[in-house]
C-alpha atoms as a PDB file:
ATOM      1  CA  MET A   1      82.470 117.346 114.376  1.00  0.00           C
ATOM      2  CA  ASP A   2      83.434 120.584 112.895  1.00  0.00           C
ATOM      3  CA  LEU A   3      84.790 123.415 115.039  1.00  0.00           C
ATOM      4  CA  HIS A   4      81.256 124.884 115.179  1.00  0.00           C
ATOM      5  CA  GLU A   5      79.525 121.644 116.382  1.00  0.00           C
ATOM      6  CA  ALA A   6      82.599 121.339 119.027  1.00  0.00           C
ATOM      7  CA  ALA A   7      81.653 124.707 120.387  1.00  0.00           C
ATOM      8  CA  PHE A   8      78.256 123.368 121.596  1.00  0.00           C
ATOM      9  CA  THR A   9      79.617 119.953 122.994  1.00  0.00           C
ATOM     10  CA  GLY A  10      82.357 121.839 125.113  1.00  0.00           C
ATOM     11  CA  GLU A  11      84.991 119.820 123.141  1.00  0.00           C
ATOM     12  CA  LYS A  12      87.993 121.764 122.505  1.00  0.00           C
ATOM     13  CA  PRO A  13      89.187 122.181 118.936  1.00  0.00           C
ATOM     14  CA  ILE A  14      92.862 121.158 119.685  1.00  0.00           C
ATOM     15  CA  ASP A  15      91.280 117.859 120.795  1.00  0.00           C
ATOM     16  CA  LEU A  16      89.254 117.316 117.749  1.00  0.00           C
ATOM     17  CA  ARG A  17      90.525 114.251 115.474  1.00  0.00           C
ATOM     18  CA  ILE A  18      89.946 113.628 111.831  1.00  0.00           C
ATOM     19  CA  LYS A  19      88.186 110.545 111.155  1.00  0.00           C
ATOM     20  CA  VAL A  20      89.941 108.623 108.210  1.00  0.00           C
ATOM     21  CA  LYS A  21      88.460 105.726 106.731  1.00  0.00           C
ATOM     22  CA  PRO A  22      91.221 103.195 105.051  1.00  0.00           C
ATOM     23  CA  VAL A  23      89.666 101.792 101.959  1.00  0.00           C
ATOM     24  CA  PHE A  24      91.968  99.125 100.498  1.00  0.00           C
ATOM     25  CA  VAL A  25      91.183  98.420  96.748  1.00  0.00           C
ATOM     26  CA  PHE A  26      91.860  94.976  95.143  1.00  0.00           C
ATOM     27  CA  LEU A  27      91.281  94.468  91.127  1.00  0.00           C
ATOM     28  CA  ALA A  28      90.702  90.738  90.833  1.00  0.00           C
ATOM     29  CA  HIS A  29      91.604  89.472  87.497  1.00  0.00           C
ATOM     30  CA  HIS A  30      89.566  86.799  86.309  1.00  0.00           C
ATOM     31  CA  ASN A  31      92.751  84.758  84.441  1.00  0.00           C
ATOM     32  CA  ALA A  32      96.492  85.069  84.145  1.00  0.00           C
ATOM     33  CA  ALA A  33      96.495  87.084  80.683  1.00  0.00           C
ATOM     34  CA  GLU A  34      98.773  89.986  80.123  1.00  0.00           C
ATOM     35  CA  GLY A  35      97.624  93.339  79.004  1.00  0.00           C
ATOM     36  CA  PRO A  36      98.817  96.829  78.564  1.00  0.00           C
ATOM     37  CA  CYS A  37      99.188  97.379  82.134  1.00  0.00           C
ATOM     38  CA  ARG A  38      99.670  94.017  83.539  1.00  0.00           C
ATOM     39  CA  ILE A  39     102.608  91.894  83.053  1.00  0.00           C
ATOM     40  CA  GLY A  40     104.650  88.879  84.489  1.00  0.00           C
ATOM     41  CA  SER A  41     105.068  85.147  84.520  1.00  0.00           C
ATOM     42  CA  ALA A  42     102.114  82.908  84.674  1.00  0.00           C
ATOM     43  CA  GLU A  43     102.811  82.311  88.382  1.00  0.00           C
ATOM     44  CA  GLN A  44     102.583  86.098  89.097  1.00  0.00           C
ATOM     45  CA  LEU A  45      99.541  86.669  87.092  1.00  0.00           C
ATOM     46  CA  ASP A  46      97.589  83.594  88.531  1.00  0.00           C
ATOM     47  CA  PRO A  47      94.482  85.054  90.108  1.00  0.00           C
ATOM     48  CA  LYS A  48      94.868  82.939  93.313  1.00  0.00           C
ATOM     49  CA  ALA A  49      98.436  84.225  93.700  1.00  0.00           C
ATOM     50  CA  GLU A  50      97.390  87.811  93.008  1.00  0.00           C
ATOM     51  CA  ARG A  51      94.787  87.515  95.577  1.00  0.00           C
ATOM     52  CA  THR A  52      97.477  86.454  97.953  1.00  0.00           C
ATOM     53  CA  ARG A  53      99.645  88.928  97.583  1.00  0.00           C
ATOM     54  CA  SER A  54      96.852  91.520  97.906  1.00  0.00           C
ATOM     55  CA  GLN A  55      96.412  90.080 101.432  1.00  0.00           C
ATOM     56  CA  ASP A  56      99.757  90.476 102.327  1.00  0.00           C
ATOM     57  CA  VAL A  57      99.892  94.044 100.900  1.00  0.00           C
ATOM     58  CA  TYR A  58      96.549  94.656 102.889  1.00  0.00           C
ATOM     59  CA  ALA A  59      98.116  93.839 106.355  1.00  0.00           C
ATOM     60  CA  ALA A  60     101.636  95.830 105.371  1.00  0.00           C
ATOM     61  CA  THR A  61      99.340  98.842 104.358  1.00  0.00           C
ATOM     62  CA  MET A  62      97.248  98.793 107.681  1.00  0.00           C
ATOM     63  CA  ALA A  63     100.390  98.523 109.659  1.00  0.00           C
ATOM     64  CA  LYS A  64     101.680 101.680 107.772  1.00  0.00           C
ATOM     65  CA  LEU A  65      98.638 103.772 109.146  1.00  0.00           C
ATOM     66  CA  LYS A  66      99.777 103.423 112.778  1.00  0.00           C
ATOM     67  CA  SER A  67     102.443 106.117 111.410  1.00  0.00           C
ATOM     68  CA  LEU A  68      99.570 108.642 110.502  1.00  0.00           C
ATOM     69  CA  SER A  69      99.357 111.929 112.348  1.00  0.00           C
ATOM     70  CA  PRO A  70      98.346 111.598 116.026  1.00  0.00           C
ATOM     71  CA  VAL A  71      95.012 113.703 115.255  1.00  0.00           C
ATOM     72  CA  ALA A  72      93.836 110.836 112.844  1.00  0.00           C
ATOM     73  CA  HIS A  73      91.241 108.558 114.195  1.00  0.00           C
ATOM     74  CA  ILE A  74      91.585 105.550 112.022  1.00  0.00           C
ATOM     75  CA  LEU A  75      88.139 104.099 111.626  1.00  0.00           C
ATOM     76  CA  ASP A  76      87.753 100.308 110.690  1.00  0.00           C
ATOM     77  CA  PRO A  77      89.363  99.646 107.518  1.00  0.00           C
ATOM     78  CA  VAL A  78      87.390  98.171 104.428  1.00  0.00           C
ATOM     79  CA  PHE A  79      88.759  95.400 101.595  1.00  0.00           C
ATOM     80  CA  ILE A  80      86.895  96.536  98.322  1.00  0.00           C
ATOM     81  CA  GLU A  81      86.983  93.912  95.478  1.00  0.00           C
ATOM     82  CA  HIS A  82      85.912  94.527  92.082  1.00  0.00           C
ATOM     83  CA  GLY A  83      86.716  92.454  89.160  1.00  0.00           C
ATOM     84  CA  ASP A  84      88.427  93.221  85.758  1.00  0.00           C
ATOM     85  CA  ASP A  85      84.966  93.926  84.338  1.00  0.00           C
ATOM     86  CA  TRP A  86      85.099  97.266  86.132  1.00  0.00           C
ATOM     87  CA  LEU A  87      81.823  96.858  87.915  1.00  0.00           C
ATOM     88  CA  VAL A  88      81.768  97.370  91.598  1.00  0.00           C
ATOM     89  CA  ARG A  89      79.101  95.170  93.221  1.00  0.00           C
ATOM     90  CA  ALA A  90      76.578  96.518  95.630  1.00  0.00           C
ATOM     91  CA  GLU A  91      77.853  94.637  98.415  1.00  0.00           C
ATOM     92  CA  GLN A  92      81.109  96.159  98.131  1.00  0.00           C
ATOM     93  CA  TYR A  93      79.370  99.674  98.648  1.00  0.00           C
ATOM     94  CA  ARG A  94      77.571  98.105 101.737  1.00  0.00           C
ATOM     95  CA  LYS A  95      80.564  97.832 103.487  1.00  0.00           C
ATOM     96  CA  LEU A  96      81.327 101.446 103.256  1.00  0.00           C
ATOM     97  CA  ASP A  97      77.668 102.137 104.300  1.00  0.00           C
ATOM     98  CA  VAL A  98      78.092 100.967 107.678  1.00  0.00           C
ATOM     99  CA  ASP A  99      79.855 104.092 109.113  1.00  0.00           C
ATOM    100  CA  VAL A 100      79.936 106.374 106.316  1.00  0.00           C
ATOM    101  CA  ASP A 101      78.239 109.309 108.419  1.00  0.00           C
ATOM    102  CA  GLU A 102      81.135 109.100 110.808  1.00  0.00           C
ATOM    103  CA  VAL A 103      83.971 109.453 107.921  1.00  0.00           C
ATOM    104  CA  ASP A 104      85.778 112.617 107.606  1.00  0.00           C
ATOM    105  CA  VAL A 105      87.894 111.437 104.846  1.00  0.00           C
ATOM    106  CA  PHE A 106      88.511 108.151 102.942  1.00  0.00           C
ATOM    107  CA  LEU A 107      91.920 107.115 102.456  1.00  0.00           C
ATOM    108  CA  VAL A 108      92.264 104.859  99.408  1.00  0.00           C
ATOM    109  CA  THR A 109      95.155 102.296  98.919  1.00  0.00           C
ATOM    110  CA  GLY A 110      95.486  99.200  97.279  1.00  0.00           C
ATOM    111  CA  THR A 111      97.158  96.889  94.759  1.00  0.00           C
ATOM    112  CA  SER A 112      96.442  98.673  91.614  1.00  0.00           C
ATOM    113  CA  LEU A 113      94.391 101.229  89.819  1.00  0.00           C
ATOM    114  CA  ASN A 114      93.034 102.553  93.187  1.00  0.00           C
ATOM    115  CA  GLN A 115      91.866 105.877  91.208  1.00  0.00           C
ATOM    116  CA  PHE A 116      89.476 104.192  89.532  1.00  0.00           C
ATOM    117  CA  PHE A 117      87.571 103.298  92.834  1.00  0.00           C
ATOM    118  CA  ALA A 118      88.585 106.442  94.299  1.00  0.00           C
ATOM    119  CA  VAL A 119      86.598 108.243  91.798  1.00  0.00           C
ATOM    120  CA  LYS A 120      83.596 106.299  92.261  1.00  0.00           C
ATOM    121  CA  LEU A 121      83.889 106.771  95.995  1.00  0.00           C
ATOM    122  CA  GLY A 122      84.118 110.749  96.148  1.00  0.00           C
ATOM    123  CA  GLU A 123      81.146 110.921  93.549  1.00  0.00           C
ATOM    124  CA  ARG A 124      79.002 108.376  95.448  1.00  0.00           C
ATOM    125  CA  TYR A 125      79.609 109.779  99.078  1.00  0.00           C
ATOM    126  CA  GLY A 126      80.745 113.530  98.369  1.00  0.00           C
ATOM    127  CA  LYS A 127      83.447 112.983 101.094  1.00  0.00           C
ATOM    128  CA  PRO A 128      86.916 113.841 100.653  1.00  0.00           C
ATOM    129  CA  VAL A 129      89.147 111.348  99.288  1.00  0.00           C
ATOM    130  CA  ALA A 130      92.765 111.025  99.541  1.00  0.00           C
ATOM    131  CA  MET A 131      95.458 108.692  97.967  1.00  0.00           C
ATOM    132  CA  VAL A 132      98.512 107.545  98.501  1.00  0.00           C
ATOM    133  CA  GLY A 133     100.600 107.462  95.498  1.00  0.00           C
ATOM    134  CA  GLY A 134     103.465 105.391  94.321  1.00  0.00           C
ATOM    135  CA  GLU A 135     101.824 101.844  94.083  1.00  0.00           C
ATOM    136  CA  LEU A 136     103.982 100.914  90.819  1.00  0.00           C
ATOM    137  CA  ASP A 137     106.997 103.275  91.793  1.00  0.00           C
ATOM    138  CA  PRO A 138     107.394 105.315  95.169  1.00  0.00           C
ATOM    139  CA  PHE A 139     108.324 108.391  92.826  1.00  0.00           C
ATOM    140  CA  ILE A 140     104.933 108.415  90.716  1.00  0.00           C
ATOM    141  CA  PRO A 141     102.430 109.987  92.196  1.00  0.00           C
ATOM    142  CA  MET A 142      99.239 107.616  91.412  1.00  0.00           C
ATOM    143  CA  GLY A 143      95.906 109.171  91.801  1.00  0.00           C
ATOM    144  CA  CYS A 144      96.626 112.576  90.421  1.00  0.00           C
ATOM    145  CA  ASP A 145      94.337 111.903  87.606  1.00  0.00           C
ATOM    146  CA  ALA A 146      91.535 110.958  89.882  1.00  0.00           C
ATOM    147  CA  ALA A 147      92.154 113.754  92.302  1.00  0.00           C
ATOM    148  CA  SER A 148      92.136 116.200  89.167  1.00  0.00           C
ATOM    149  CA  HIS A 149      88.734 114.532  87.946  1.00  0.00           C
ATOM    150  CA  LEU A 150      87.030 114.789  91.630  1.00  0.00           C
ATOM    151  CA  ARG A 151      88.218 118.407  91.691  1.00  0.00           C
ATOM    152  CA  ALA A 152      86.878 119.379  88.518  1.00  0.00           C
ATOM    153  CA  GLU A 153      83.667 118.123  89.814  1.00  0.00           C
ATOM    154  CA  GLY A 154      83.866 120.346  92.800  1.00  0.00           C
ATOM    155  CA  LEU A 155      84.822 117.458  95.132  1.00  0.00           C
ATOM    156  CA  GLU A 156      87.771 117.342  97.730  1.00  0.00           C
ATOM    157  CA  ALA A 157      90.713 115.159  96.751  1.00  0.00           C
ATOM    158  CA  TYR A 158      94.366 114.821  97.535  1.00  0.00           C
ATOM    159  CA  VAL A 159      97.372 112.563  96.692  1.00  0.00           C
ATOM    160  CA  SER A 160     100.334 112.274  98.953  1.00  0.00           C
ATOM    161  CA  LEU A 161     103.524 110.200  97.697  1.00  0.00           C
ATOM    162  CA  ASP A 162     103.493 108.264 101.345  1.00  0.00           C
ATOM    163  CA  TYR A 163     102.005 108.010 104.485  1.00  0.00           C
ATOM    164  CA  ASP A 164     104.553 110.521 106.364  1.00  0.00           C
END
């Protein structure tokens, strides 16, 4: 609801809250092969171990969302998975379609290469996308490339180093 709509409902602008839709992205590898952006032991690269780690990171990330501004209303988070074929299946988007009309901003996080899905999300829904950087290193603002791409297309996109 924007300020103009608030005037008609009698709601005070100071009472408005931004509706944030957390989107956690998991890149599900099909095998334990190393690559240019993927290194580790066979145990670390095992797809089952990777999936287990992603569930742990998802839980920790959702706990961090409690530290967001009090003006943020957190909508139900969504866990999005795509394979290393880089295809996002229709059923993954259907998870977002449920309450997309309520969303003011998508907050994209995850275990790796979230920028890929952040761009898809912004282009598909035309809503602002925010990303939290530092997924590999807390001092590297991951997502700047995706935000630049979206902004070049006239869409809103933001990157923050952390949840503060």
